[in-house]
C-alpha atoms as a PDB file:
ATOM      1  CA  UNK A   1      61.420  -6.915 -46.875  1.00  0.00           C
ATOM      2  CA  UNK A   2      60.020  -3.405 -47.304  1.00  0.00           C
ATOM      3  CA  UNK A   3      56.901  -2.583 -45.307  1.00  0.00           C
ATOM      4  CA  UNK A   4      54.191  -1.352 -47.637  1.00  0.00           C
ATOM      5  CA  UNK A   5      52.526   1.961 -46.847  1.00  0.00           C
ATOM      6  CA  UNK A   6      49.015   3.001 -47.844  1.00  0.00           C
ATOM      7  CA  UNK A   7      46.956   6.175 -47.651  1.00  0.00           C
ATOM      8  CA  UNK A   8      43.233   5.568 -47.146  1.00  0.00           C
ATOM      9  CA  UNK A   9      40.808   8.465 -47.572  1.00  0.00           C
ATOM     10  CA  UNK A  10      37.328   8.602 -46.094  1.00  0.00           C
ATOM     11  CA  UNK A  11      38.758   6.573 -43.233  1.00  0.00           C
ATOM     12  CA  UNK A  12      36.725   7.832 -40.277  1.00  0.00           C
ATOM     13  CA  UNK A  13      33.932   5.278 -40.717  1.00  0.00           C
ATOM     14  CA  UNK A  14      32.425   2.631 -42.966  1.00  0.00           C
ATOM     15  CA  UNK A  15      34.450   1.162 -45.821  1.00  0.00           C
ATOM     16  CA  UNK A  16      37.442   3.396 -45.183  1.00  0.00           C
ATOM     17  CA  UNK A  17      37.753   2.452 -41.519  1.00  0.00           C
ATOM     18  CA  UNK A  18      37.283  -1.236 -42.345  1.00  0.00           C
ATOM     19  CA  UNK A  19      40.027  -0.977 -44.974  1.00  0.00           C
ATOM     20  CA  UNK A  20      42.415   0.591 -42.459  1.00  0.00           C
ATOM     21  CA  UNK A  21      41.745  -2.263 -40.024  1.00  0.00           C
ATOM     22  CA  UNK A  22      42.281  -4.989 -42.599  1.00  0.00           C
ATOM     23  CA  UNK A  23      45.446  -3.484 -44.050  1.00  0.00           C
ATOM     24  CA  UNK A  24      46.887  -3.134 -40.561  1.00  0.00           C
ATOM     25  CA  UNK A  25      46.059  -6.798 -39.933  1.00  0.00           C
ATOM     26  CA  UNK A  26      48.090  -7.580 -43.062  1.00  0.00           C
ATOM     27  CA  UNK A  27      51.070  -5.684 -41.634  1.00  0.00           C
ATOM     28  CA  UNK A  28      50.836  -2.515 -43.722  1.00  0.00           C
ATOM     29  CA  UNK A  29      51.675   0.945 -42.472  1.00  0.00           C
ATOM     30  CA  UNK A  30      48.519   2.979 -43.002  1.00  0.00           C
ATOM     31  CA  UNK A  31      47.767   6.693 -42.978  1.00  0.00           C
ATOM     32  CA  UNK A  32      44.056   7.243 -42.371  1.00  0.00           C
ATOM     33  CA  UNK A  33      42.622  10.458 -43.814  1.00  0.00           C
ATOM     34  CA  UNK A  34      39.282  12.119 -43.075  1.00  0.00           C
ATOM     35  CA  UNK A  35      37.792  15.328 -41.692  1.00  0.00           C
ATOM     36  CA  UNK A  36      36.663  14.084 -38.263  1.00  0.00           C
ATOM     37  CA  UNK A  37      39.645  13.951 -35.968  1.00  0.00           C
ATOM     38  CA  UNK A  38      37.932  12.298 -33.011  1.00  0.00           C
ATOM     39  CA  UNK A  39      36.951   9.291 -35.129  1.00  0.00           C
ATOM     40  CA  UNK A  40      40.410   9.077 -36.674  1.00  0.00           C
ATOM     41  CA  UNK A  41      42.002   9.184 -33.225  1.00  0.00           C
ATOM     42  CA  UNK A  42      39.842   6.308 -32.013  1.00  0.00           C
ATOM     43  CA  UNK A  43      40.548   4.236 -35.126  1.00  0.00           C
ATOM     44  CA  UNK A  44      44.281   4.782 -34.890  1.00  0.00           C
ATOM     45  CA  UNK A  45      44.392   3.987 -31.185  1.00  0.00           C
ATOM     46  CA  UNK A  46      42.632   0.720 -32.042  1.00  0.00           C
ATOM     47  CA  UNK A  47      44.751  -0.242 -35.050  1.00  0.00           C
ATOM     48  CA  UNK A  48      48.119   1.457 -34.696  1.00  0.00           C
ATOM     49  CA  UNK A  49      47.634   3.388 -37.923  1.00  0.00           C
ATOM     50  CA  UNK A  50      48.567   7.061 -38.178  1.00  0.00           C
ATOM     51  CA  UNK A  51      46.229   9.780 -39.371  1.00  0.00           C
ATOM     52  CA  UNK A  52      46.006  13.180 -41.011  1.00  0.00           C
ATOM     53  CA  UNK A  53      42.927  15.382 -40.834  1.00  0.00           C
ATOM     54  CA  UNK A  54      42.111  16.792 -44.276  1.00  0.00           C
ATOM     55  CA  UNK A  55      39.175  18.018 -46.342  1.00  0.00           C
ATOM     56  CA  UNK A  56      39.652  16.679 -49.864  1.00  0.00           C
ATOM     57  CA  UNK A  57      37.518  19.449 -51.345  1.00  0.00           C
ATOM     58  CA  UNK A  58      40.200  21.967 -50.295  1.00  0.00           C
ATOM     59  CA  UNK A  59      43.267  22.261 -52.542  1.00  0.00           C
ATOM     60  CA  UNK A  60      45.468  23.672 -49.784  1.00  0.00           C
ATOM     61  CA  UNK A  61      44.436  20.911 -47.387  1.00  0.00           C
ATOM     62  CA  UNK A  62      45.343  18.243 -49.939  1.00  0.00           C
ATOM     63  CA  UNK A  63      48.729  19.884 -50.530  1.00  0.00           C
ATOM     64  CA  UNK A  64      49.397  19.920 -46.782  1.00  0.00           C
ATOM     65  CA  UNK A  65      48.234  16.309 -46.464  1.00  0.00           C
ATOM     66  CA  UNK A  66      50.588  15.200 -49.220  1.00  0.00           C
ATOM     67  CA  UNK A  67      53.564  17.010 -47.732  1.00  0.00           C
ATOM     68  CA  UNK A  68      52.948  15.539 -44.279  1.00  0.00           C
ATOM     69  CA  UNK A  69      52.491  11.994 -45.560  1.00  0.00           C
ATOM     70  CA  UNK A  70      55.523  12.035 -47.851  1.00  0.00           C
ATOM     71  CA  UNK A  71      57.686  13.474 -45.078  1.00  0.00           C
ATOM     72  CA  UNK A  72      57.011  10.220 -43.239  1.00  0.00           C
ATOM     73  CA  UNK A  73      58.258   7.955 -46.010  1.00  0.00           C
ATOM     74  CA  UNK A  74      57.329   6.416 -49.348  1.00  0.00           C
ATOM     75  CA  UNK A  75      53.751   5.646 -50.337  1.00  0.00           C
ATOM     76  CA  UNK A  76      52.934   2.467 -52.234  1.00  0.00           C
ATOM     77  CA  UNK A  77      49.136   2.544 -52.348  1.00  0.00           C
ATOM     78  CA  UNK A  78      46.400   5.156 -52.405  1.00  0.00           C
ATOM     79  CA  UNK A  79      42.871   4.028 -51.566  1.00  0.00           C
ATOM     80  CA  UNK A  80      40.676   6.873 -52.815  1.00  0.00           C
ATOM     81  CA  UNK A  81      37.605   5.904 -50.864  1.00  0.00           C
ATOM     82  CA  UNK A  82      36.126   9.231 -49.723  1.00  0.00           C
ATOM     83  CA  UNK A  83      32.711   9.804 -51.280  1.00  0.00           C
ATOM     84  CA  UNK A  84      29.213  11.021 -50.566  1.00  0.00           C
ATOM     85  CA  UNK A  85      25.632  10.944 -51.830  1.00  0.00           C
ATOM     86  CA  UNK A  86      23.033  13.597 -51.107  1.00  0.00           C
ATOM     87  CA  UNK A  87      19.338  13.246 -51.844  1.00  0.00           C
ATOM     88  CA  UNK A  88      17.073  10.957 -53.835  1.00  0.00           C
ATOM     89  CA  UNK A  89      15.341  13.572 -55.975  1.00  0.00           C
ATOM     90  CA  UNK A  90      14.627  13.207 -59.654  1.00  0.00           C
ATOM     91  CA  UNK A  91      16.872  15.114 -62.026  1.00  0.00           C
ATOM     92  CA  UNK A  92      14.087  17.652 -62.579  1.00  0.00           C
ATOM     93  CA  UNK A  93      13.661  18.274 -58.844  1.00  0.00           C
ATOM     94  CA  UNK A  94      17.292  18.040 -57.759  1.00  0.00           C
ATOM     95  CA  UNK A  95      19.437  20.968 -56.707  1.00  0.00           C
ATOM     96  CA  UNK A  96      22.495  22.168 -58.570  1.00  0.00           C
ATOM     97  CA  UNK A  97      24.172  22.698 -55.200  1.00  0.00           C
ATOM     98  CA  UNK A  98      23.691  19.037 -54.275  1.00  0.00           C
ATOM     99  CA  UNK A  99      25.191  17.914 -57.562  1.00  0.00           C
ATOM    100  CA  UNK A 100      28.099  20.311 -57.099  1.00  0.00           C
ATOM    101  CA  UNK A 101      28.803  18.926 -53.629  1.00  0.00           C
ATOM    102  CA  UNK A 102      28.741  15.333 -54.888  1.00  0.00           C
ATOM    103  CA  UNK A 103      31.056  16.126 -57.791  1.00  0.00           C
ATOM    104  CA  UNK A 104      33.462  17.961 -55.498  1.00  0.00           C
ATOM    105  CA  UNK A 105      33.873  14.889 -53.295  1.00  0.00           C
ATOM    106  CA  UNK A 106      33.387  11.949 -55.662  1.00  0.00           C
ATOM    107  CA  UNK A 107      35.143  13.336 -58.734  1.00  0.00           C
ATOM    108  CA  UNK A 108      37.347  16.302 -57.861  1.00  0.00           C
ATOM    109  CA  UNK A 109      38.282  14.860 -54.466  1.00  0.00           C
ATOM    110  CA  UNK A 110      39.562  11.724 -56.182  1.00  0.00           C
ATOM    111  CA  UNK A 111      41.331  13.843 -58.795  1.00  0.00           C
ATOM    112  CA  UNK A 112      43.060  15.956 -56.139  1.00  0.00           C
ATOM    113  CA  UNK A 113      44.518  13.046 -54.193  1.00  0.00           C
ATOM    114  CA  UNK A 114      45.477  11.081 -57.288  1.00  0.00           C
ATOM    115  CA  UNK A 115      47.359  14.045 -58.752  1.00  0.00           C
ATOM    116  CA  UNK A 116      49.002  14.714 -55.391  1.00  0.00           C
ATOM    117  CA  UNK A 117      50.286  11.189 -54.744  1.00  0.00           C
ATOM    118  CA  UNK A 118      50.872   9.898 -58.277  1.00  0.00           C
ATOM    119  CA  UNK A 119      54.562  10.951 -58.502  1.00  0.00           C
ATOM    120  CA  UNK A 120      55.306   9.135 -55.243  1.00  0.00           C
ATOM    121  CA  UNK A 121      53.397   6.047 -56.361  1.00  0.00           C
ATOM    122  CA  UNK A 122      55.418   5.894 -59.575  1.00  0.00           C
ATOM    123  CA  UNK A 123      58.640   6.469 -57.643  1.00  0.00           C
ATOM    124  CA  UNK A 124      57.822   3.572 -55.299  1.00  0.00           C
ATOM    125  CA  UNK A 125      58.290   1.150 -58.187  1.00  0.00           C
ATOM    126  CA  UNK A 126      55.160  -0.781 -57.228  1.00  0.00           C
ATOM    127  CA  UNK A 127      52.309   1.654 -56.803  1.00  0.00           C
ATOM    128  CA  UNK A 128      48.565   1.129 -56.542  1.00  0.00           C
ATOM    129  CA  UNK A 129      45.612   3.448 -56.948  1.00  0.00           C
ATOM    130  CA  UNK A 130      42.346   1.995 -55.686  1.00  0.00           C
ATOM    131  CA  UNK A 131      39.345   4.045 -56.763  1.00  0.00           C
ATOM    132  CA  UNK A 132      36.130   3.376 -54.861  1.00  0.00           C
ATOM    133  CA  UNK A 133      33.358   3.851 -57.374  1.00  0.00           C
ATOM    134  CA  UNK A 134      29.928   2.210 -57.237  1.00  0.00           C
ATOM    135  CA  UNK A 135      27.566   0.148 -59.327  1.00  0.00           C
ATOM    136  CA  UNK A 136      25.900   3.562 -59.736  1.00  0.00           C
ATOM    137  CA  UNK A 137      28.922   4.460 -61.847  1.00  0.00           C
ATOM    138  CA  UNK A 138      27.987   1.735 -64.316  1.00  0.00           C
ATOM    139  CA  UNK A 139      24.182   1.695 -64.323  1.00  0.00           C
ATOM    140  CA  UNK A 140      21.690   4.529 -63.901  1.00  0.00           C
ATOM    141  CA  UNK A 141      18.625   4.373 -61.681  1.00  0.00           C
ATOM    142  CA  UNK A 142      15.744   6.676 -60.847  1.00  0.00           C
ATOM    143  CA  UNK A 143      16.155   9.095 -57.988  1.00  0.00           C
ATOM    144  CA  UNK A 144      19.922   9.030 -58.043  1.00  0.00           C
ATOM    145  CA  UNK A 145      20.898  11.240 -60.960  1.00  0.00           C
ATOM    146  CA  UNK A 146      23.506  13.340 -59.192  1.00  0.00           C
ATOM    147  CA  UNK A 147      25.198  10.386 -57.528  1.00  0.00           C
ATOM    148  CA  UNK A 148      25.001   8.322 -60.714  1.00  0.00           C
ATOM    149  CA  UNK A 149      26.618  11.130 -62.694  1.00  0.00           C
ATOM    150  CA  UNK A 150      29.327  11.670 -60.069  1.00  0.00           C
ATOM    151  CA  UNK A 151      30.197   7.994 -59.804  1.00  0.00           C
ATOM    152  CA  UNK A 152      30.315   7.689 -63.584  1.00  0.00           C
ATOM    153  CA  UNK A 153      32.945  10.417 -63.286  1.00  0.00           C
ATOM    154  CA  UNK A 154      34.801   8.409 -60.653  1.00  0.00           C
ATOM    155  CA  UNK A 155      34.764   5.367 -62.929  1.00  0.00           C
ATOM    156  CA  UNK A 156      36.026   7.474 -65.821  1.00  0.00           C
ATOM    157  CA  UNK A 157      38.987   8.700 -63.776  1.00  0.00           C
ATOM    158  CA  UNK A 158      40.011   5.102 -63.073  1.00  0.00           C
ATOM    159  CA  UNK A 159      39.525   3.958 -66.668  1.00  0.00           C
ATOM    160  CA  UNK A 160      41.454   6.910 -68.096  1.00  0.00           C
ATOM    161  CA  UNK A 161      44.283   6.618 -65.579  1.00  0.00           C
ATOM    162  CA  UNK A 162      44.753   2.963 -66.439  1.00  0.00           C
ATOM    163  CA  UNK A 163      45.316   3.882 -70.079  1.00  0.00           C
ATOM    164  CA  UNK A 164      47.564   6.835 -69.306  1.00  0.00           C
ATOM    165  CA  UNK A 165      49.715   4.874 -66.850  1.00  0.00           C
ATOM    166  CA  UNK A 166      50.347   1.939 -69.171  1.00  0.00           C
ATOM    167  CA  UNK A 167      54.073   1.268 -68.912  1.00  0.00           C
ATOM    168  CA  UNK A 168      54.365   2.733 -65.418  1.00  0.00           C
ATOM    169  CA  UNK A 169      54.670   0.487 -62.322  1.00  0.00           C
ATOM    170  CA  UNK A 170      51.264   1.560 -60.987  1.00  0.00           C
ATOM    171  CA  UNK A 171      48.111  -0.542 -60.923  1.00  0.00           C
ATOM    172  CA  UNK A 172      44.741   1.186 -61.194  1.00  0.00           C
ATOM    173  CA  UNK A 173      42.034  -0.795 -59.422  1.00  0.00           C
ATOM    174  CA  UNK A 174      38.355   0.106 -59.386  1.00  0.00           C
ATOM    175  CA  UNK A 175      36.027  -1.383 -56.777  1.00  0.00           C
ATOM    176  CA  UNK A 176      32.317  -0.893 -57.538  1.00  0.00           C
ATOM    177  CA  UNK A 177      30.078  -1.997 -54.659  1.00  0.00           C
ATOM    178  CA  UNK A 178      26.330  -2.311 -54.862  1.00  0.00           C
ATOM    179  CA  UNK A 179      24.068  -2.316 -51.801  1.00  0.00           C
ATOM    180  CA  UNK A 180      26.301  -1.785 -48.761  1.00  0.00           C
ATOM    181  CA  UNK A 181      24.875  -1.239 -45.278  1.00  0.00           C
ATOM    182  CA  UNK A 182      27.150   1.169 -43.415  1.00  0.00           C
ATOM    183  CA  UNK A 183      26.387   3.213 -40.335  1.00  0.00           C
ATOM    184  CA  UNK A 184      26.277   6.615 -42.021  1.00  0.00           C
ATOM    185  CA  UNK A 185      26.178   6.626 -45.831  1.00  0.00           C
ATOM    186  CA  UNK A 186      22.484   6.011 -46.478  1.00  0.00           C
ATOM    187  CA  UNK A 187      21.385   8.000 -43.436  1.00  0.00           C
ATOM    188  CA  UNK A 188      23.162  11.072 -44.788  1.00  0.00           C
ATOM    189  CA  UNK A 189      21.737  10.516 -48.243  1.00  0.00           C
ATOM    190  CA  UNK A 190      18.135  10.566 -47.008  1.00  0.00           C
ATOM    191  CA  UNK A 191      18.636  13.643 -44.866  1.00  0.00           C
ATOM    192  CA  UNK A 192      19.035  11.894 -41.522  1.00  0.00           C
ATOM    193  CA  UNK A 193      15.722  10.005 -41.541  1.00  0.00           C
ATOM    194  CA  UNK A 194      16.276   6.596 -39.950  1.00  0.00           C
ATOM    195  CA  UNK A 195      12.930   5.342 -41.283  1.00  0.00           C
ATOM    196  CA  UNK A 196      13.905   6.189 -44.861  1.00  0.00           C
ATOM    197  CA  UNK A 197      17.347   4.673 -44.396  1.00  0.00           C
ATOM    198  CA  UNK A 198      15.852   1.445 -43.041  1.00  0.00           C
ATOM    199  CA  UNK A 199      13.575   1.132 -46.081  1.00  0.00           C
ATOM    200  CA  UNK A 200      16.592   0.962 -48.387  1.00  0.00           C
ATOM    201  CA  UNK A 201      17.581  -2.380 -46.842  1.00  0.00           C
ATOM    202  CA  UNK A 202      14.093  -3.627 -45.932  1.00  0.00           C
ATOM    203  CA  UNK A 203      13.698  -7.316 -46.718  1.00  0.00           C
ATOM    204  CA  UNK A 204      17.398  -7.799 -47.502  1.00  0.00           C
ATOM    205  CA  UNK A 205      18.856  -9.941 -44.747  1.00  0.00           C
ATOM    206  CA  UNK A 206      22.442  -9.812 -45.938  1.00  0.00           C
ATOM    207  CA  UNK A 207      23.456  -6.607 -47.696  1.00  0.00           C
ATOM    208  CA  UNK A 208      27.163  -6.106 -48.188  1.00  0.00           C
ATOM    209  CA  UNK A 209      29.048  -4.784 -45.181  1.00  0.00           C
ATOM    210  CA  UNK A 210      31.934  -2.359 -44.999  1.00  0.00           C
ATOM    211  CA  UNK A 211      34.131  -5.338 -44.150  1.00  0.00           C
ATOM    212  CA  UNK A 212      33.076  -7.121 -47.356  1.00  0.00           C
ATOM    213  CA  UNK A 213      34.166  -4.169 -49.467  1.00  0.00           C
ATOM    214  CA  UNK A 214      37.394  -3.730 -47.512  1.00  0.00           C
ATOM    215  CA  UNK A 215      38.115  -7.402 -48.131  1.00  0.00           C
ATOM    216  CA  UNK A 216      37.816  -6.751 -51.887  1.00  0.00           C
ATOM    217  CA  UNK A 217      40.246  -3.839 -51.579  1.00  0.00           C
ATOM    218  CA  UNK A 218      42.784  -5.864 -49.621  1.00  0.00           C
ATOM    219  CA  UNK A 219      42.443  -8.841 -51.972  1.00  0.00           C
ATOM    220  CA  UNK A 220      43.210  -6.584 -54.939  1.00  0.00           C
ATOM    221  CA  UNK A 221      46.192  -4.959 -53.224  1.00  0.00           C
ATOM    222  CA  UNK A 222      47.733  -8.223 -52.083  1.00  0.00           C
ATOM    223  CA  UNK A 223      47.854  -9.944 -55.490  1.00  0.00           C
ATOM    224  CA  UNK A 224      51.294 -10.209 -57.110  1.00  0.00           C
ATOM    225  CA  UNK A 225      52.021  -6.808 -58.600  1.00  0.00           C
ATOM    226  CA  UNK A 226      51.794  -8.040 -62.202  1.00  0.00           C
ATOM    227  CA  UNK A 227      48.163  -9.038 -61.434  1.00  0.00           C
ATOM    228  CA  UNK A 228      45.849  -6.036 -61.856  1.00  0.00           C
ATOM    229  CA  UNK A 229      42.194  -6.106 -60.849  1.00  0.00           C
ATOM    230  CA  UNK A 230      40.908  -3.565 -63.355  1.00  0.00           C
ATOM    231  CA  UNK A 231      37.343  -3.593 -62.054  1.00  0.00           C
ATOM    232  CA  UNK A 232      35.614  -5.579 -59.335  1.00  0.00           C
ATOM    233  CA  UNK A 233      31.824  -5.248 -59.143  1.00  0.00           C
ATOM    234  CA  UNK A 234      30.397  -6.673 -55.928  1.00  0.00           C
ATOM    235  CA  UNK A 235      26.778  -6.941 -54.860  1.00  0.00           C
ATOM    236  CA  UNK A 236      24.850  -8.899 -52.246  1.00  0.00           C
ATOM    237  CA  UNK A 237      23.207 -12.009 -53.663  1.00  0.00           C
ATOM    238  CA  UNK A 238      19.798 -10.346 -53.240  1.00  0.00           C
ATOM    239  CA  UNK A 239      20.721  -7.545 -55.664  1.00  0.00           C
ATOM    240  CA  UNK A 240      20.818  -8.430 -59.355  1.00  0.00           C
ATOM    241  CA  UNK A 241      21.018  -4.819 -60.561  1.00  0.00           C
ATOM    242  CA  UNK A 242      20.589  -1.287 -59.258  1.00  0.00           C
ATOM    243  CA  UNK A 243      16.813  -1.555 -59.638  1.00  0.00           C
ATOM    244  CA  UNK A 244      16.386  -5.313 -59.104  1.00  0.00           C
ATOM    245  CA  UNK A 245      16.471  -6.425 -55.465  1.00  0.00           C
ATOM    246  CA  UNK A 246      14.909  -9.638 -54.160  1.00  0.00           C
ATOM    247  CA  UNK A 247      13.311  -8.634 -50.879  1.00  0.00           C
ATOM    248  CA  UNK A 248      11.822 -10.902 -48.223  1.00  0.00           C
ATOM    249  CA  UNK A 249      13.414 -13.980 -49.775  1.00  0.00           C
ATOM    250  CA  UNK A 250      15.676 -14.835 -46.869  1.00  0.00           C
ATOM    251  CA  UNK A 251      18.731 -13.569 -48.730  1.00  0.00           C
END
């Protein structure tokens, strides 16, 4: 039986690292991709995955990544997980630079890796593209305009690809998490302020974890290949919507 091989971007921490761990536990060969080599080295020593250091905002780096990965064998699944959020300003007060940075990672970064690996995924005869979007890609909220816009773009890539690939042996799976507590994402978004980051989850005892989201990814990938999870929206029980969170309720 052929060993399945996946490429996971944004793999140095959080959801990406958790996905690498869980796929390895399922017996997959995994190539972990991120910018921070020291974190990738530690993850791969732990899991037995391989890694490639690459910046997905750089066209040449993505081309080199693709060549290196494909030289090692076929690719069956791409988990386009790399993403970022910067700032909580209103649209009126936000910076164009911040929006540009978020679009470069969340939209163009996904586009680059999808375009790069799509021929190999089709050639595999049973390909998967997992796009990590967000509930922000489906519902707007105040103070998140740039991220909301970028993740709507991420969602649109997945939805359009699914239409364009009809008839090809490639599933397009979108995972849209809500409130996820990871070690870095929110801290970066609020400019490194631990107090501000803590307030995001204040009164929510059980936000989603990186492992929860990785479990959704692995579930989707391990269904029979005729079974496509078009879109999976996952939230903690305390979160009914982007702007509706039950705090201090023991949830």
